[in-house]
């Protein structure tokens, strides 16, 4: 673990999630009093349209990917923990589950209409690079939804500043919004990829009521 960031290196994160995979869902239900299911459903409904080709990055045991499928998407879930993917495959064998790293997604440019990440960016070693990868695999006009805690530690502490003021406009995301849940502990960030010829000035932050 890095003393400076308080986070494990990538291999340590993978090993941790492999280890906790058998109890991951129970932990989520307990820590959120079951509200995480509602948050995932709202995330899917915010960015997925019927018929969309959807990527769920850092998919874990698959709950957000399944919510995206229920919203009408044709979903691929990707995660670098094989033990988490095993549980996702058992839950929804009809979906596509791929082993891969969010920092180097194994997909061609402009492959997806929408992408989601649920409680995953806080474990990513390079936030800007991961957002660039999501932008790369999204089509022009594609939609992105990131569900995350709002008070991460270490290098992700200034997440809002990176997201709203720095990285997002540079990456070609527009219509950036967020809404909070659970008294502000959890936030859903949404954005669209910029259409060719659109006005980049539309990328200002807005809070959804």
Protein backbone atom coordinates (compact mmCIF):
# COMPACT_ATOMS: atom_id res chain seq x y z
CA UNK A 1 0.00 0.00 0.00
CA UNK A 2 1.23 3.50 -0.81
CA UNK A 3 1.69 5.65 2.29
CA UNK A 4 1.07 8.75 0.19
CA UNK A 5 -2.24 7.70 -1.36
CA UNK A 6 -3.51 5.12 1.12
CA UNK A 7 -4.40 2.88 -1.83
CA UNK A 8 -3.17 -0.53 -2.90
CA UNK A 9 -1.36 -1.01 -6.21
CA UNK A 10 -3.36 -2.61 -9.04
CA UNK A 11 -2.33 -6.18 -8.19
CA UNK A 12 -3.24 -5.59 -4.57
CA UNK A 13 -6.69 -4.27 -5.56
CA UNK A 14 -7.26 -7.31 -7.79
CA UNK A 15 -6.22 -9.69 -5.02
CA UNK A 16 -8.46 -7.90 -2.53
CA UNK A 17 -11.53 -8.19 -4.76
CA UNK A 18 -10.76 -11.83 -5.57
CA UNK A 19 -10.67 -12.45 -1.83
CA UNK A 20 -13.90 -10.63 -0.91
CA UNK A 21 -15.93 -11.76 -3.95
CA UNK A 22 -17.89 -14.42 -1.99
CA UNK A 23 -19.18 -11.83 0.49
CA UNK A 24 -19.20 -8.70 -1.70
CA UNK A 25 -22.95 -8.60 -2.32
CA UNK A 26 -23.80 -9.22 1.31
CA UNK A 27 -21.39 -6.45 2.33
CA UNK A 28 -23.07 -4.00 -0.04
CA UNK A 29 -26.56 -4.86 1.19
CA UNK A 30 -25.48 -4.49 4.80
CA UNK A 31 -23.48 -1.26 4.45
CA UNK A 32 -26.19 0.50 2.41
CA UNK A 33 -29.27 -1.06 4.05
CA UNK A 34 -30.14 -2.39 0.60
CA UNK A 35 -30.23 1.07 -1.00
CA UNK A 36 -27.39 0.25 -3.40
CA UNK A 37 -29.85 -1.66 -5.59
CA UNK A 38 -31.98 1.46 -6.00
CA UNK A 39 -28.92 3.60 -6.75
CA UNK A 40 -27.82 1.18 -9.46
CA UNK A 41 -31.29 1.12 -10.99
CA UNK A 42 -31.37 4.92 -11.10
CA UNK A 43 -27.91 4.99 -12.68
CA UNK A 44 -29.02 2.61 -15.42
CA UNK A 45 -32.24 4.53 -16.04
CA UNK A 46 -30.28 7.80 -16.31
CA UNK A 47 -28.05 6.72 -19.18
CA UNK A 48 -29.41 3.58 -20.85
CA UNK A 49 -32.01 3.63 -23.62
CA UNK A 50 -33.72 0.51 -25.02
CA UNK A 51 -31.49 -1.10 -27.62
CA UNK A 52 -28.30 0.63 -26.46
CA UNK A 53 -25.02 -1.24 -26.55
CA UNK A 54 -23.77 -0.70 -22.99
CA UNK A 55 -20.47 -1.13 -21.18
CA UNK A 56 -20.41 -1.58 -17.42
CA UNK A 57 -16.79 -1.04 -16.38
CA UNK A 58 -15.49 -2.33 -13.03
CA UNK A 59 -18.63 -4.46 -13.11
CA UNK A 60 -17.80 -6.54 -10.04
CA UNK A 61 -20.45 -9.17 -9.39
CA UNK A 62 -22.70 -7.66 -12.04
CA UNK A 63 -25.51 -5.84 -10.25
CA UNK A 64 -25.21 -2.59 -12.24
CA UNK A 65 -24.78 -4.47 -15.52
CA UNK A 66 -27.96 -6.40 -14.78
CA UNK A 67 -29.77 -3.13 -14.00
CA UNK A 68 -28.60 -1.79 -17.38
CA UNK A 69 -29.96 -4.89 -19.10
CA UNK A 70 -33.30 -4.43 -17.36
CA UNK A 71 -33.33 -0.85 -18.69
CA UNK A 72 -33.16 -2.30 -22.21
CA UNK A 73 -29.43 -2.36 -22.90
CA UNK A 74 -27.31 -5.01 -24.57
CA UNK A 75 -24.67 -5.15 -21.90
CA UNK A 76 -21.03 -6.13 -21.62
CA UNK A 77 -19.50 -6.15 -18.16
CA UNK A 78 -15.74 -5.84 -17.71
CA UNK A 79 -13.69 -6.34 -14.56
CA UNK A 80 -10.13 -7.36 -13.74
CA UNK A 81 -11.13 -9.67 -10.87
CA UNK A 82 -11.88 -13.13 -12.22
CA UNK A 83 -13.52 -14.18 -8.95
CA UNK A 84 -15.98 -11.28 -9.21
CA UNK A 85 -16.70 -12.16 -12.84
CA UNK A 86 -17.43 -15.76 -11.88
CA UNK A 87 -20.24 -14.57 -9.63
CA UNK A 88 -21.52 -12.17 -12.29
CA UNK A 89 -21.66 -14.99 -14.85
CA UNK A 90 -23.68 -17.13 -12.46
CA UNK A 91 -26.17 -14.30 -11.90
CA UNK A 92 -26.68 -13.46 -15.59
CA UNK A 93 -25.13 -15.97 -18.01
CA UNK A 94 -27.00 -14.31 -20.87
CA UNK A 95 -24.86 -11.17 -20.59
CA UNK A 96 -21.31 -10.85 -21.88
CA UNK A 97 -18.62 -10.78 -19.18
CA UNK A 98 -15.06 -9.86 -20.12
CA UNK A 99 -11.86 -9.85 -18.09
CA UNK A 100 -10.13 -6.51 -18.60
CA UNK A 101 -8.66 -3.38 -17.07
CA UNK A 102 -10.50 -0.05 -17.11
CA UNK A 103 -7.18 1.65 -17.89
CA UNK A 104 -6.89 -0.30 -21.15
CA UNK A 105 -10.34 -1.43 -22.22
CA UNK A 106 -10.31 -4.37 -24.68
CA UNK A 107 -12.77 -2.75 -27.09
CA UNK A 108 -12.56 -0.79 -30.33
CA UNK A 109 -13.18 2.94 -30.48
CA UNK A 110 -16.83 4.03 -30.50
CA UNK A 111 -18.18 0.60 -29.54
CA UNK A 112 -20.86 1.63 -27.03
CA UNK A 113 -23.88 3.91 -26.77
CA UNK A 114 -23.61 4.16 -22.99
CA UNK A 115 -21.19 3.29 -20.20
CA UNK A 116 -21.54 2.97 -16.45
CA UNK A 117 -19.22 2.54 -13.48
CA UNK A 118 -20.54 1.70 -10.05
CA UNK A 119 -18.28 2.29 -7.04
CA UNK A 120 -15.22 1.59 -9.16
CA UNK A 121 -13.34 4.79 -9.93
CA UNK A 122 -12.05 5.15 -6.38
CA UNK A 123 -10.01 1.98 -6.95
CA UNK A 124 -8.56 3.07 -10.31
CA UNK A 125 -4.89 4.01 -10.26
CA UNK A 126 -5.20 6.75 -12.91
CA UNK A 127 -8.57 8.55 -12.97
CA UNK A 128 -7.84 10.70 -16.01
CA UNK A 129 -6.67 7.75 -18.07
CA UNK A 130 -9.75 5.73 -17.14
CA UNK A 131 -12.03 8.58 -18.23
CA UNK A 132 -10.13 8.86 -21.51
CA UNK A 133 -10.68 5.16 -22.09
CA UNK A 134 -14.40 5.50 -21.42
CA UNK A 135 -14.57 8.41 -23.86
CA UNK A 136 -12.67 6.40 -26.46
CA UNK A 137 -15.08 3.46 -26.44
CA UNK A 138 -18.21 5.65 -26.36
CA UNK A 139 -19.80 6.83 -29.59
CA UNK A 140 -20.39 10.53 -30.25
CA UNK A 141 -23.48 11.48 -28.28
CA UNK A 142 -22.97 8.51 -25.96
CA UNK A 143 -23.93 8.68 -22.28
CA UNK A 144 -21.85 8.06 -19.19
CA UNK A 145 -23.00 7.41 -15.63
CA UNK A 146 -20.61 7.07 -12.68
CA UNK A 147 -21.98 6.13 -9.27
CA UNK A 148 -19.50 6.79 -6.49
CA UNK A 149 -19.03 7.82 -2.89
CA UNK A 150 -18.55 11.57 -2.57
CA UNK A 151 -15.76 11.65 0.02
CA UNK A 152 -12.97 9.41 -1.32
CA UNK A 153 -9.55 9.60 0.32
CA UNK A 154 -6.06 10.00 -1.05
CA UNK A 155 -5.60 11.23 -4.61
CA UNK A 156 -9.32 10.92 -5.31
CA UNK A 157 -10.22 13.46 -2.64
CA UNK A 158 -10.44 16.26 -5.25
CA UNK A 159 -12.66 14.08 -7.46
CA UNK A 160 -15.21 16.85 -8.06
CA UNK A 161 -12.52 19.26 -9.20
CA UNK A 162 -11.00 16.76 -11.64
CA UNK A 163 -14.42 15.70 -12.88
CA UNK A 164 -16.20 19.02 -13.35
CA UNK A 165 -13.48 21.59 -13.92
CA UNK A 166 -10.55 19.78 -15.48
CA UNK A 167 -10.79 16.38 -17.08
CA UNK A 168 -14.36 16.24 -18.34
CA UNK A 169 -14.34 19.27 -20.68
CA UNK A 170 -10.95 18.28 -22.10
CA UNK A 171 -12.22 14.81 -22.93
CA UNK A 172 -15.18 16.03 -24.94
CA UNK A 173 -17.93 15.40 -22.39
CA UNK A 174 -20.86 17.82 -22.23
CA UNK A 175 -24.10 18.21 -20.25
CA UNK A 176 -22.30 17.23 -17.05
CA UNK A 177 -24.65 16.81 -14.11
CA UNK A 178 -24.76 15.14 -10.75
CA UNK A 179 -27.29 14.19 -8.12
CA UNK A 180 -26.71 12.90 -4.61
CA UNK A 181 -28.24 10.12 -2.56
CA UNK A 182 -28.20 9.17 1.12
CA UNK A 183 -27.76 12.71 2.36
CA UNK A 184 -24.90 13.42 -0.02
CA UNK A 185 -22.76 10.38 0.77
CA UNK A 186 -23.21 8.92 -2.72
CA UNK A 187 -23.37 10.78 -6.02
CA UNK A 188 -24.42 9.88 -9.56
CA UNK A 189 -22.41 11.81 -12.15
CA UNK A 190 -23.74 11.83 -15.71
CA UNK A 191 -22.43 13.29 -18.95
CA UNK A 192 -22.69 12.90 -22.71
CA UNK A 193 -19.90 12.63 -25.23
CA UNK A 194 -19.60 15.65 -27.42
CA UNK A 195 -21.19 15.56 -30.87
CA UNK A 196 -19.07 16.67 -33.80
CA UNK A 197 -19.53 20.42 -34.21
CA UNK A 198 -21.18 20.93 -30.81
CA UNK A 199 -20.41 23.83 -28.48
CA UNK A 200 -17.88 22.81 -25.79
CA UNK A 201 -19.16 25.67 -23.62
CA UNK A 202 -22.10 23.48 -22.65
CA UNK A 203 -19.90 21.39 -20.39
CA UNK A 204 -20.54 23.36 -17.19
CA UNK A 205 -21.53 21.61 -13.99
CA UNK A 206 -25.16 21.32 -12.97
CA UNK A 207 -26.77 19.69 -10.00
CA UNK A 208 -29.92 17.73 -10.77
CA UNK A 209 -32.68 18.45 -8.29
